[in-house]
Amino acid sequence: MLNFRLLAGVAVAFALVSSTIAGPSEAVPAVTARAEHFNPVGLRLAPMNNTVAPAKRMTNAERLARGLTPNPPHRRAPGQLRARQSATPTSDSAAPTSSDLPSSASSSASDSATPASSSPSAAPACSTYNGYIKARYSSPTGQYTDGYVTNTLNSHGEWGFTHAPSQALAVSFELCTADAGAPVTLLSTNADTAYPYLAAITGFANTGDRDTLSAGSRNYAYIGGTGSDVPYGVDPQPQANSFSTAAGSSEDVETANWTIDPATGAVSAEWYNADGSAPATTLVYVPSAAAWAIVGDLNVFANNFGTAYRATWTFITALPAAS
């Protein structure tokens, strides 16, 4: 006959031993708890400079002097780069101008829009737009939080969120006739000048093909900065970026990730997989890291890394007046 009292005693002893090994701060997580870290932990992070100084798009001469590649041409040879379909179809028949955009995303003719030379032999007509990124993220219960993308990088080299207009990230981008409808590169103009280009950076905890985002995958991309732009349509590139500098983890980057709706200013996040596909993506805010990310599957990402809020960005040309 089994000695049930003895068995009960053994069970209690086993439970005590187990709780002692686990320790009070290492309790076994619930099924719904986060099992992975969005950012690496236990590292001595390199500090971000966060020098808030005016920045401008570098000329080819300036880029070469810094050991960077020249600016990518606006017109690419057919077959070199694989085109992505724009989320907002745009006619190729006219160059984007200030009149094409409403007040929420337009540029003034005097200081924001700078048309290219009118010479017949000049590059395709281009206009440069200056503004800020208004941000909103929403909880599953429908509560909204409004603010801006901040102009300071967090300790892991990622852009975060701020309620203060005075801390909003200022950006510029260029639209050209030849690239109508294509994603653009955003250049920060009041942030860390070492990493002026907004970059989508491969997540350090990605698995499988780490440069691939897709439905059913937990993979993600940070939103940080890099020192040189990556041409539209090019696969993720291994180059210096704010996250890799802070965490010491070498990750690939893309910069031509942003499609801006000329009618509303809505900014859509893009990602270009190494196999040539352009998956559907979701822009999210990760509160535990105070950072933005691009994901291919929000539910799978949240199941692995914890709470993530669906987010929207809007390009605006002016901040609200100080009260």
C-alpha atoms as a PDB file:
ATOM      1  CA  MET A   1       0.000   0.000   0.000  1.00  0.00           C
ATOM      2  CA  LEU A   2       1.297   3.453  -0.914  1.00  0.00           C
ATOM      3  CA  ASN A   3       2.186   5.763   1.954  1.00  0.00           C
ATOM      4  CA  PHE A   4       0.266   8.883   0.887  1.00  0.00           C
ATOM      5  CA  ARG A   5       1.620  10.944   3.797  1.00  0.00           C
ATOM      6  CA  LEU A   6       5.154  10.139   2.657  1.00  0.00           C
ATOM      7  CA  LEU A   7       4.312  11.076  -0.916  1.00  0.00           C
ATOM      8  CA  ALA A   8       2.792  14.344   0.259  1.00  0.00           C
ATOM      9  CA  GLY A   9       5.914  15.121   2.234  1.00  0.00           C
ATOM     10  CA  VAL A  10       8.103  14.458  -0.780  1.00  0.00           C
ATOM     11  CA  ALA A  11       5.933  16.764  -2.889  1.00  0.00           C
ATOM     12  CA  VAL A  12       6.188  19.561  -0.324  1.00  0.00           C
ATOM     13  CA  ALA A  13       9.959  19.143  -0.101  1.00  0.00           C
ATOM     14  CA  PHE A  14      10.273  19.221  -3.891  1.00  0.00           C
ATOM     15  CA  ALA A  15       8.210  22.417  -4.020  1.00  0.00           C
ATOM     16  CA  LEU A  16      10.421  24.044  -1.396  1.00  0.00           C
ATOM     17  CA  VAL A  17      13.581  23.084  -3.257  1.00  0.00           C
ATOM     18  CA  SER A  18      12.131  24.366  -6.531  1.00  0.00           C
ATOM     19  CA  SER A  19      11.140  27.713  -5.026  1.00  0.00           C
ATOM     20  CA  THR A  20      14.590  28.099  -3.476  1.00  0.00           C
ATOM     21  CA  ILE A  21      16.308  27.467  -6.803  1.00  0.00           C
ATOM     22  CA  ALA A  22      14.044  29.828  -8.711  1.00  0.00           C
ATOM     23  CA  GLY A  23      14.400  32.617  -6.156  1.00  0.00           C
ATOM     24  CA  PRO A  24      11.808  35.278  -5.412  1.00  0.00           C
ATOM     25  CA  SER A  25      12.615  37.318  -8.542  1.00  0.00           C
ATOM     26  CA  GLU A  26      12.615  34.413 -10.989  1.00  0.00           C
ATOM     27  CA  ALA A  27       9.127  33.028 -10.648  1.00  0.00           C
ATOM     28  CA  VAL A  28       7.966  30.890 -13.536  1.00  0.00           C
ATOM     29  CA  PRO A  29       6.131  33.268 -15.897  1.00  0.00           C
ATOM     30  CA  ALA A  30       2.509  32.843 -16.789  1.00  0.00           C
ATOM     31  CA  VAL A  31       1.686  31.590 -20.259  1.00  0.00           C
ATOM     32  CA  THR A  32       0.805  35.107 -21.375  1.00  0.00           C
ATOM     33  CA  ALA A  33       4.000  36.703 -20.033  1.00  0.00           C
ATOM     34  CA  ARG A  34       6.792  37.859 -22.308  1.00  0.00           C
ATOM     35  CA  ALA A  35       9.369  35.114 -22.916  1.00  0.00           C
ATOM     36  CA  GLU A  36      11.888  37.185 -24.873  1.00  0.00           C
ATOM     37  CA  HIS A  37      13.579  40.568 -24.595  1.00  0.00           C
ATOM     38  CA  PHE A  38      13.002  43.178 -27.283  1.00  0.00           C
ATOM     39  CA  ASN A  39      16.414  44.667 -26.486  1.00  0.00           C
ATOM     40  CA  PRO A  40      19.517  42.875 -25.215  1.00  0.00           C
ATOM     41  CA  VAL A  41      19.933  42.995 -21.435  1.00  0.00           C
ATOM     42  CA  GLY A  42      22.910  42.931 -19.109  1.00  0.00           C
ATOM     43  CA  LEU A  43      25.111  44.982 -21.430  1.00  0.00           C
ATOM     44  CA  ARG A  44      27.200  48.042 -20.798  1.00  0.00           C
ATOM     45  CA  LEU A  45      25.693  50.275 -23.444  1.00  0.00           C
ATOM     46  CA  ALA A  46      27.714  52.853 -25.328  1.00  0.00           C
ATOM     47  CA  PRO A  47      26.201  56.301 -24.666  1.00  0.00           C
ATOM     48  CA  MET A  48      24.396  58.076 -27.461  1.00  0.00           C
ATOM     49  CA  ASN A  49      25.710  61.504 -28.378  1.00  0.00           C
ATOM     50  CA  ASN A  50      22.278  63.074 -28.978  1.00  0.00           C
ATOM     51  CA  THR A  51      23.874  66.293 -30.112  1.00  0.00           C
ATOM     52  CA  VAL A  52      20.894  68.420 -31.041  1.00  0.00           C
ATOM     53  CA  ALA A  53      22.296  70.494 -33.868  1.00  0.00           C
ATOM     54  CA  PRO A  54      21.059  71.390 -37.346  1.00  0.00           C
ATOM     55  CA  ALA A  55      21.791  68.761 -39.973  1.00  0.00           C
ATOM     56  CA  LYS A  56      21.422  68.871 -43.715  1.00  0.00           C
ATOM     57  CA  ARG A  57      21.535  66.421 -46.561  1.00  0.00           C
ATOM     58  CA  MET A  58      25.195  65.997 -47.429  1.00  0.00           C
ATOM     59  CA  THR A  59      26.505  66.705 -50.898  1.00  0.00           C
ATOM     60  CA  ASN A  60      28.439  64.018 -52.755  1.00  0.00           C
ATOM     61  CA  ALA A  61      31.679  65.855 -51.934  1.00  0.00           C
ATOM     62  CA  GLU A  62      30.852  65.905 -48.218  1.00  0.00           C
ATOM     63  CA  ARG A  63      29.899  62.212 -48.265  1.00  0.00           C
ATOM     64  CA  LEU A  64      33.121  61.211 -50.027  1.00  0.00           C
ATOM     65  CA  ALA A  65      35.166  63.261 -47.552  1.00  0.00           C
ATOM     66  CA  ARG A  66      33.633  61.184 -44.742  1.00  0.00           C
ATOM     67  CA  GLY A  67      34.312  57.916 -46.509  1.00  0.00           C
ATOM     68  CA  LEU A  68      30.666  57.407 -47.466  1.00  0.00           C
ATOM     69  CA  THR A  69      29.246  56.405 -50.821  1.00  0.00           C
ATOM     70  CA  PRO A  70      27.769  59.133 -53.091  1.00  0.00           C
ATOM     71  CA  ASN A  71      24.106  59.997 -52.910  1.00  0.00           C
ATOM     72  CA  PRO A  72      22.019  57.470 -54.865  1.00  0.00           C
ATOM     73  CA  PRO A  73      20.807  58.714 -58.270  1.00  0.00           C
ATOM     74  CA  HIS A  74      17.145  59.539 -58.587  1.00  0.00           C
ATOM     75  CA  ARG A  75      16.726  57.480 -61.757  1.00  0.00           C
ATOM     76  CA  ARG A  76      17.832  53.883 -61.503  1.00  0.00           C
ATOM     77  CA  ALA A  77      18.654  51.573 -64.372  1.00  0.00           C
ATOM     78  CA  PRO A  78      15.862  49.074 -65.083  1.00  0.00           C
ATOM     79  CA  GLY A  79      16.484  45.729 -63.442  1.00  0.00           C
ATOM     80  CA  GLN A  80      18.993  46.997 -60.894  1.00  0.00           C
ATOM     81  CA  LEU A  81      16.489  47.478 -58.114  1.00  0.00           C
ATOM     82  CA  ARG A  82      13.205  45.770 -57.531  1.00  0.00           C
ATOM     83  CA  ALA A  83      10.304  48.181 -57.244  1.00  0.00           C
ATOM     84  CA  ARG A  84       7.752  48.111 -54.490  1.00  0.00           C
ATOM     85  CA  GLN A  85       4.159  49.101 -55.081  1.00  0.00           C
ATOM     86  CA  SER A  86       3.253  52.299 -53.278  1.00  0.00           C
ATOM     87  CA  ALA A  87       0.496  52.180 -50.711  1.00  0.00           C
ATOM     88  CA  THR A  88      -0.807  55.340 -52.343  1.00  0.00           C
ATOM     89  CA  PRO A  89      -0.823  55.257 -56.166  1.00  0.00           C
ATOM     90  CA  THR A  90       0.619  58.482 -57.532  1.00  0.00           C
ATOM     91  CA  SER A  91       0.697  59.680 -61.118  1.00  0.00           C
ATOM     92  CA  ASP A  92       4.120  59.889 -62.753  1.00  0.00           C
ATOM     93  CA  SER A  93       2.991  62.731 -64.976  1.00  0.00           C
ATOM     94  CA  ALA A  94       3.754  65.618 -62.614  1.00  0.00           C
ATOM     95  CA  ALA A  95       6.375  66.419 -60.028  1.00  0.00           C
ATOM     96  CA  PRO A  96       5.165  66.690 -56.436  1.00  0.00           C
ATOM     97  CA  THR A  97       4.905  70.357 -55.476  1.00  0.00           C
ATOM     98  CA  SER A  98       3.624  72.281 -52.506  1.00  0.00           C
ATOM     99  CA  SER A  99       0.179  72.504 -54.132  1.00  0.00           C
ATOM    100  CA  ASP A 100      -0.068  68.692 -54.199  1.00  0.00           C
ATOM    101  CA  LEU A 101      -0.083  68.502 -50.421  1.00  0.00           C
ATOM    102  CA  PRO A 102      -2.621  69.840 -47.890  1.00  0.00           C
ATOM    103  CA  SER A 103      -1.717  71.970 -44.887  1.00  0.00           C
ATOM    104  CA  SER A 104      -0.973  68.879 -42.805  1.00  0.00           C
ATOM    105  CA  ALA A 105       1.821  67.768 -45.098  1.00  0.00           C
ATOM    106  CA  SER A 106       2.644  70.627 -47.423  1.00  0.00           C
ATOM    107  CA  SER A 107       5.780  72.689 -47.778  1.00  0.00           C
ATOM    108  CA  SER A 108       5.954  76.438 -48.226  1.00  0.00           C
ATOM    109  CA  ALA A 109       7.449  77.745 -51.419  1.00  0.00           C
ATOM    110  CA  SER A 110       9.806  80.006 -49.490  1.00  0.00           C
ATOM    111  CA  ASP A 111      11.573  77.701 -47.064  1.00  0.00           C
ATOM    112  CA  SER A 112      10.353  74.112 -47.283  1.00  0.00           C
ATOM    113  CA  ALA A 113      10.169  73.317 -50.977  1.00  0.00           C
ATOM    114  CA  THR A 114      13.312  73.681 -53.024  1.00  0.00           C
ATOM    115  CA  PRO A 115      12.693  72.831 -56.689  1.00  0.00           C
ATOM    116  CA  ALA A 116      15.538  71.399 -58.705  1.00  0.00           C
ATOM    117  CA  SER A 117      17.153  73.309 -61.559  1.00  0.00           C
ATOM    118  CA  SER A 118      14.899  74.034 -64.516  1.00  0.00           C
ATOM    119  CA  SER A 119      17.631  73.213 -67.017  1.00  0.00           C
ATOM    120  CA  PRO A 120      16.503  70.575 -69.545  1.00  0.00           C
ATOM    121  CA  SER A 121      19.647  68.563 -68.806  1.00  0.00           C
ATOM    122  CA  ALA A 122      19.169  68.691 -65.022  1.00  0.00           C
ATOM    123  CA  ALA A 123      18.131  65.775 -62.843  1.00  0.00           C
ATOM    124  CA  PRO A 124      14.396  65.052 -62.539  1.00  0.00           C
ATOM    125  CA  ALA A 125      12.467  67.835 -60.774  1.00  0.00           C
ATOM    126  CA  CYS A 126      12.562  67.418 -57.017  1.00  0.00           C
ATOM    127  CA  SER A 127      11.094  69.209 -54.017  1.00  0.00           C
ATOM    128  CA  THR A 128      12.325  69.037 -50.427  1.00  0.00           C
ATOM    129  CA  TYR A 129       9.826  69.093 -47.562  1.00  0.00           C
ATOM    130  CA  ASN A 130      10.576  69.948 -43.928  1.00  0.00           C
ATOM    131  CA  GLY A 131       8.439  69.118 -40.917  1.00  0.00           C
ATOM    132  CA  TYR A 132       7.875  66.881 -37.914  1.00  0.00           C
ATOM    133  CA  ILE A 133       6.423  63.461 -37.173  1.00  0.00           C
ATOM    134  CA  LYS A 134       3.254  63.498 -35.134  1.00  0.00           C
ATOM    135  CA  ALA A 135       2.675  60.124 -33.482  1.00  0.00           C
ATOM    136  CA  ARG A 136      -0.270  58.278 -31.998  1.00  0.00           C
ATOM    137  CA  TYR A 137      -0.456  54.836 -30.477  1.00  0.00           C
ATOM    138  CA  SER A 138      -3.591  53.025 -29.377  1.00  0.00           C
ATOM    139  CA  SER A 139      -4.307  50.358 -26.788  1.00  0.00           C
ATOM    140  CA  PRO A 140      -6.506  47.315 -27.495  1.00  0.00           C
ATOM    141  CA  THR A 141      -9.291  49.070 -25.540  1.00  0.00           C
ATOM    142  CA  GLY A 142      -9.290  51.955 -27.996  1.00  0.00           C
ATOM    143  CA  GLN A 143      -7.511  54.543 -25.853  1.00  0.00           C
ATOM    144  CA  TYR A 144      -5.250  56.888 -27.818  1.00  0.00           C
ATOM    145  CA  THR A 145      -2.028  58.569 -26.779  1.00  0.00           C
ATOM    146  CA  ASP A 146      -0.900  61.490 -28.938  1.00  0.00           C
ATOM    147  CA  GLY A 147       2.537  63.061 -29.178  1.00  0.00           C
ATOM    148  CA  TYR A 148       5.591  63.080 -31.415  1.00  0.00           C
ATOM    149  CA  VAL A 149       8.610  61.029 -32.334  1.00  0.00           C
ATOM    150  CA  THR A 150      11.279  62.413 -30.012  1.00  0.00           C
ATOM    151  CA  ASN A 151      14.548  63.936 -31.188  1.00  0.00           C
ATOM    152  CA  THR A 152      16.676  61.997 -28.695  1.00  0.00           C
ATOM    153  CA  LEU A 153      17.745  58.371 -29.050  1.00  0.00           C
ATOM    154  CA  ASN A 154      17.177  56.093 -26.058  1.00  0.00           C
ATOM    155  CA  SER A 155      19.967  54.100 -24.408  1.00  0.00           C
ATOM    156  CA  HIS A 156      19.701  51.389 -27.095  1.00  0.00           C
ATOM    157  CA  GLY A 157      19.900  53.883 -29.960  1.00  0.00           C
ATOM    158  CA  GLU A 158      16.195  53.872 -30.847  1.00  0.00           C
ATOM    159  CA  TRP A 159      13.767  56.725 -31.450  1.00  0.00           C
ATOM    160  CA  GLY A 160      11.076  57.109 -28.808  1.00  0.00           C
ATOM    161  CA  PHE A 161       7.947  59.084 -27.949  1.00  0.00           C
ATOM    162  CA  THR A 162       7.391  62.501 -26.400  1.00  0.00           C
ATOM    163  CA  HIS A 163       4.389  64.646 -25.539  1.00  0.00           C
ATOM    164  CA  ALA A 164       6.439  67.846 -25.781  1.00  0.00           C
ATOM    165  CA  PRO A 165       6.407  69.691 -29.125  1.00  0.00           C
ATOM    166  CA  SER A 166       9.767  71.227 -28.202  1.00  0.00           C
ATOM    167  CA  GLN A 167      11.295  67.729 -28.247  1.00  0.00           C
ATOM    168  CA  ALA A 168       9.730  66.636 -31.542  1.00  0.00           C
ATOM    169  CA  LEU A 169      12.021  65.177 -34.194  1.00  0.00           C
ATOM    170  CA  ALA A 170      12.380  67.485 -37.198  1.00  0.00           C
ATOM    171  CA  VAL A 171      12.801  65.710 -40.529  1.00  0.00           C
ATOM    172  CA  SER A 172      13.110  66.469 -44.213  1.00  0.00           C
ATOM    173  CA  PHE A 173      12.523  64.354 -47.283  1.00  0.00           C
ATOM    174  CA  GLU A 174      12.777  64.771 -51.029  1.00  0.00           C
ATOM    175  CA  LEU A 175      10.202  63.876 -53.661  1.00  0.00           C
ATOM    176  CA  CYS A 176      11.223  63.619 -57.302  1.00  0.00           C
ATOM    177  CA  THR A 177       9.258  63.137 -60.496  1.00  0.00           C
ATOM    178  CA  ALA A 178      11.170  59.992 -61.393  1.00  0.00           C
ATOM    179  CA  ASP A 179      10.407  58.371 -58.041  1.00  0.00           C
ATOM    180  CA  ALA A 180       6.746  59.337 -57.697  1.00  0.00           C
ATOM    181  CA  GLY A 181       5.000  56.857 -55.404  1.00  0.00           C
ATOM    182  CA  ALA A 182       8.216  55.266 -54.162  1.00  0.00           C
ATOM    183  CA  PRO A 183       9.184  55.184 -50.479  1.00  0.00           C
ATOM    184  CA  VAL A 184      11.346  58.065 -49.298  1.00  0.00           C
ATOM    185  CA  THR A 185      14.250  58.477 -46.896  1.00  0.00           C
ATOM    186  CA  LEU A 186      13.708  60.702 -43.856  1.00  0.00           C
ATOM    187  CA  LEU A 187      16.610  62.879 -42.734  1.00  0.00           C
ATOM    188  CA  SER A 188      16.556  64.180 -39.160  1.00  0.00           C
ATOM    189  CA  THR A 189      17.543  67.828 -38.872  1.00  0.00           C
ATOM    190  CA  ASN A 190      17.562  68.480 -35.107  1.00  0.00           C
ATOM    191  CA  ALA A 191      18.960  65.263 -33.656  1.00  0.00           C
ATOM    192  CA  ASP A 192      22.159  63.225 -33.291  1.00  0.00           C
ATOM    193  CA  THR A 193      24.197  64.293 -36.305  1.00  0.00           C
ATOM    194  CA  ALA A 194      26.163  61.024 -36.262  1.00  0.00           C
ATOM    195  CA  TYR A 195      23.007  59.143 -37.352  1.00  0.00           C
ATOM    196  CA  PRO A 196      20.878  61.607 -39.330  1.00  0.00           C
ATOM    197  CA  TYR A 197      18.973  59.093 -41.477  1.00  0.00           C
ATOM    198  CA  LEU A 198      15.959  57.343 -39.958  1.00  0.00           C
ATOM    199  CA  ALA A 199      16.692  53.650 -40.305  1.00  0.00           C
ATOM    200  CA  ALA A 200      14.829  50.391 -39.889  1.00  0.00           C
ATOM    201  CA  ILE A 201      17.307  48.115 -38.103  1.00  0.00           C
ATOM    202  CA  THR A 202      17.096  44.315 -37.896  1.00  0.00           C
ATOM    203  CA  GLY A 203      15.951  43.187 -34.423  1.00  0.00           C
ATOM    204  CA  PHE A 204      18.663  41.463 -32.403  1.00  0.00           C
ATOM    205  CA  ALA A 205      16.220  38.734 -31.269  1.00  0.00           C
ATOM    206  CA  ASN A 206      15.050  37.886 -34.801  1.00  0.00           C
ATOM    207  CA  THR A 207      15.161  34.232 -35.787  1.00  0.00           C
ATOM    208  CA  GLY A 208      15.473  32.267 -39.030  1.00  0.00           C
ATOM    209  CA  ASP A 209      16.175  34.638 -41.887  1.00  0.00           C
ATOM    210  CA  ARG A 210      16.780  37.587 -39.586  1.00  0.00           C
ATOM    211  CA  ASP A 211      16.268  40.179 -42.331  1.00  0.00           C
ATOM    212  CA  THR A 212      12.779  38.881 -43.148  1.00  0.00           C
ATOM    213  CA  LEU A 213       9.466  40.148 -41.774  1.00  0.00           C
ATOM    214  CA  SER A 214       6.298  38.215 -42.565  1.00  0.00           C
ATOM    215  CA  ALA A 215       2.928  37.066 -41.292  1.00  0.00           C
ATOM    216  CA  GLY A 216       3.423  34.360 -38.673  1.00  0.00           C
ATOM    217  CA  SER A 217       6.901  35.604 -37.787  1.00  0.00           C
ATOM    218  CA  ARG A 218       7.944  37.320 -34.576  1.00  0.00           C
ATOM    219  CA  ASN A 219      10.731  39.225 -36.356  1.00  0.00           C
ATOM    220  CA  TYR A 220      10.870  43.000 -36.118  1.00  0.00           C
ATOM    221  CA  ALA A 221      12.935  46.050 -36.997  1.00  0.00           C
ATOM    222  CA  TYR A 222      13.952  48.823 -34.626  1.00  0.00           C
ATOM    223  CA  ILE A 223      13.632  52.434 -35.743  1.00  0.00           C
ATOM    224  CA  GLY A 224      16.913  54.199 -35.091  1.00  0.00           C
ATOM    225  CA  GLY A 225      19.480  56.128 -37.076  1.00  0.00           C
ATOM    226  CA  THR A 226      22.322  55.537 -39.495  1.00  0.00           C
ATOM    227  CA  GLY A 227      25.020  57.698 -41.039  1.00  0.00           C
ATOM    228  CA  SER A 228      24.286  57.080 -44.722  1.00  0.00           C
ATOM    229  CA  ASP A 229      21.179  56.300 -46.718  1.00  0.00           C
ATOM    230  CA  VAL A 230      20.403  52.979 -48.393  1.00  0.00           C
ATOM    231  CA  PRO A 231      18.813  53.334 -51.871  1.00  0.00           C
ATOM    232  CA  TYR A 232      15.201  52.359 -52.319  1.00  0.00           C
ATOM    233  CA  GLY A 233      14.756  48.720 -53.316  1.00  0.00           C
ATOM    234  CA  VAL A 234      18.094  47.528 -51.944  1.00  0.00           C
ATOM    235  CA  ASP A 235      18.163  44.640 -49.466  1.00  0.00           C
ATOM    236  CA  PRO A 236      19.013  45.358 -45.791  1.00  0.00           C
ATOM    237  CA  GLN A 237      22.636  46.475 -45.622  1.00  0.00           C
ATOM    238  CA  PRO A 238      25.296  45.869 -42.938  1.00  0.00           C
ATOM    239  CA  GLN A 239      26.369  49.363 -41.960  1.00  0.00           C
ATOM    240  CA  ALA A 240      26.942  51.404 -38.818  1.00  0.00           C
ATOM    241  CA  ASN A 241      23.791  52.436 -36.995  1.00  0.00           C
ATOM    242  CA  SER A 242      22.712  53.789 -33.628  1.00  0.00           C
ATOM    243  CA  PHE A 243      21.519  50.454 -32.204  1.00  0.00           C
ATOM    244  CA  SER A 244      24.671  48.573 -33.170  1.00  0.00           C
ATOM    245  CA  THR A 245      26.825  51.330 -31.691  1.00  0.00           C
ATOM    246  CA  ALA A 246      24.894  51.315 -28.401  1.00  0.00           C
ATOM    247  CA  ALA A 247      24.515  47.555 -27.982  1.00  0.00           C
ATOM    248  CA  GLY A 248      27.555  46.263 -29.851  1.00  0.00           C
ATOM    249  CA  SER A 249      25.352  43.966 -31.956  1.00  0.00           C
ATOM    250  CA  SER A 250      25.928  44.198 -35.703  1.00  0.00           C
ATOM    251  CA  GLU A 251      22.585  44.557 -37.496  1.00  0.00           C
ATOM    252  CA  ASP A 252      21.477  45.351 -41.054  1.00  0.00           C
ATOM    253  CA  VAL A 253      19.600  48.515 -41.982  1.00  0.00           C
ATOM    254  CA  GLU A 254      17.275  50.070 -44.543  1.00  0.00           C
ATOM    255  CA  THR A 255      16.430  53.765 -44.874  1.00  0.00           C
ATOM    256  CA  ALA A 256      13.991  54.164 -47.802  1.00  0.00           C
ATOM    257  CA  ASN A 257      11.172  52.791 -45.659  1.00  0.00           C
ATOM    258  CA  TRP A 258       8.604  55.548 -45.596  1.00  0.00           C
ATOM    259  CA  THR A 259       5.636  56.211 -47.869  1.00  0.00           C
ATOM    260  CA  ILE A 260       3.928  59.553 -47.235  1.00  0.00           C
ATOM    261  CA  ASP A 261       0.330  60.042 -48.345  1.00  0.00           C
ATOM    262  CA  PRO A 262       0.203  63.396 -50.180  1.00  0.00           C
ATOM    263  CA  ALA A 263      -3.453  63.862 -49.230  1.00  0.00           C
ATOM    264  CA  THR A 264      -3.179  63.338 -45.463  1.00  0.00           C
ATOM    265  CA  GLY A 265       0.496  63.272 -44.503  1.00  0.00           C
ATOM    266  CA  ALA A 266       0.077  59.713 -43.173  1.00  0.00           C
ATOM    267  CA  VAL A 267       3.437  57.953 -42.940  1.00  0.00           C
ATOM    268  CA  SER A 268       3.459  54.224 -43.731  1.00  0.00           C
ATOM    269  CA  ALA A 269       6.344  51.977 -42.720  1.00  0.00           C
ATOM    270  CA  GLU A 270       7.856  49.697 -45.351  1.00  0.00           C
ATOM    271  CA  TRP A 271      10.332  46.830 -45.189  1.00  0.00           C
ATOM    272  CA  TYR A 272      12.133  45.117 -48.037  1.00  0.00           C
ATOM    273  CA  ASN A 273      12.971  41.441 -47.461  1.00  0.00           C
ATOM    274  CA  ALA A 274      16.189  39.950 -48.780  1.00  0.00           C
ATOM    275  CA  ASP A 275      14.210  37.680 -51.137  1.00  0.00           C
ATOM    276  CA  GLY A 276      12.675  40.675 -52.903  1.00  0.00           C
ATOM    277  CA  SER A 277       9.283  40.577 -51.215  1.00  0.00           C
ATOM    278  CA  ALA A 278       7.657  43.591 -49.585  1.00  0.00           C
ATOM    279  CA  PRO A 279       5.505  42.229 -46.743  1.00  0.00           C
ATOM    280  CA  ALA A 280       2.576  43.940 -45.117  1.00  0.00           C
ATOM    281  CA  THR A 281       3.914  45.659 -42.006  1.00  0.00           C
ATOM    282  CA  THR A 282       2.603  47.325 -38.876  1.00  0.00           C
ATOM    283  CA  LEU A 283       4.181  50.256 -37.071  1.00  0.00           C
ATOM    284  CA  VAL A 284       4.091  49.713 -33.297  1.00  0.00           C
ATOM    285  CA  TYR A 285       5.159  51.363 -30.065  1.00  0.00           C
ATOM    286  CA  VAL A 286       6.788  49.088 -27.477  1.00  0.00           C
ATOM    287  CA  PRO A 287       6.233  50.719 -24.054  1.00  0.00           C
ATOM    288  CA  SER A 288       8.637  48.441 -22.165  1.00  0.00           C
ATOM    289  CA  ALA A 289      11.474  49.755 -24.355  1.00  0.00           C
ATOM    290  CA  ALA A 290      10.055  53.238 -25.004  1.00  0.00           C
ATOM    291  CA  ALA A 291      10.750  52.608 -28.679  1.00  0.00           C
ATOM    292  CA  TRP A 292       9.091  52.212 -32.077  1.00  0.00           C
ATOM    293  CA  ALA A 293       9.324  49.117 -34.243  1.00  0.00           C
ATOM    294  CA  ILE A 294       8.146  47.672 -37.551  1.00  0.00           C
ATOM    295  CA  VAL A 295       6.640  44.176 -37.376  1.00  0.00           C
ATOM    296  CA  GLY A 296       5.253  41.681 -39.850  1.00  0.00           C
ATOM    297  CA  ASP A 297       2.772  40.100 -37.421  1.00  0.00           C
ATOM    298  CA  LEU A 298       1.647  42.161 -34.438  1.00  0.00           C
ATOM    299  CA  ASN A 299       0.018  39.290 -32.536  1.00  0.00           C
ATOM    300  CA  VAL A 300       2.984  36.948 -32.881  1.00  0.00           C
ATOM    301  CA  PHE A 301       5.366  39.748 -31.935  1.00  0.00           C
ATOM    302  CA  ALA A 302       3.339  40.619 -28.808  1.00  0.00           C
ATOM    303  CA  ASN A 303       3.098  36.962 -27.776  1.00  0.00           C
ATOM    304  CA  ASN A 304       6.892  36.786 -27.784  1.00  0.00           C
ATOM    305  CA  PHE A 305       7.956  40.235 -26.589  1.00  0.00           C
ATOM    306  CA  GLY A 306       5.029  41.603 -24.616  1.00  0.00           C
ATOM    307  CA  THR A 307       2.758  44.595 -25.049  1.00  0.00           C
ATOM    308  CA  ALA A 308       2.997  46.471 -28.329  1.00  0.00           C
ATOM    309  CA  TYR A 309       0.594  49.203 -29.400  1.00  0.00           C
ATOM    310  CA  ARG A 310      -0.481  49.774 -32.971  1.00  0.00           C
ATOM    311  CA  ALA A 311       0.780  53.203 -34.010  1.00  0.00           C
ATOM    312  CA  THR A 312       0.340  55.844 -36.694  1.00  0.00           C
ATOM    313  CA  TRP A 313       2.710  58.594 -37.803  1.00  0.00           C
ATOM    314  CA  THR A 314       1.734  61.766 -39.637  1.00  0.00           C
ATOM    315  CA  PHE A 315       4.068  64.243 -41.322  1.00  0.00           C
ATOM    316  CA  ILE A 316       3.220  67.820 -40.330  1.00  0.00           C
ATOM    317  CA  THR A 317       4.940  71.048 -41.321  1.00  0.00           C
ATOM    318  CA  ALA A 318       4.314  73.068 -38.157  1.00  0.00           C
ATOM    319  CA  LEU A 319       4.107  72.447 -34.427  1.00  0.00           C
ATOM    320  CA  PRO A 320       1.292  73.857 -32.278  1.00  0.00           C
ATOM    321  CA  ALA A 321       1.939  77.303 -30.869  1.00  0.00           C
ATOM    322  CA  ALA A 322       3.256  77.354 -27.318  1.00  0.00           C
ATOM    323  CA  SER A 323       0.502  78.088 -24.838  1.00  0.00           C
END
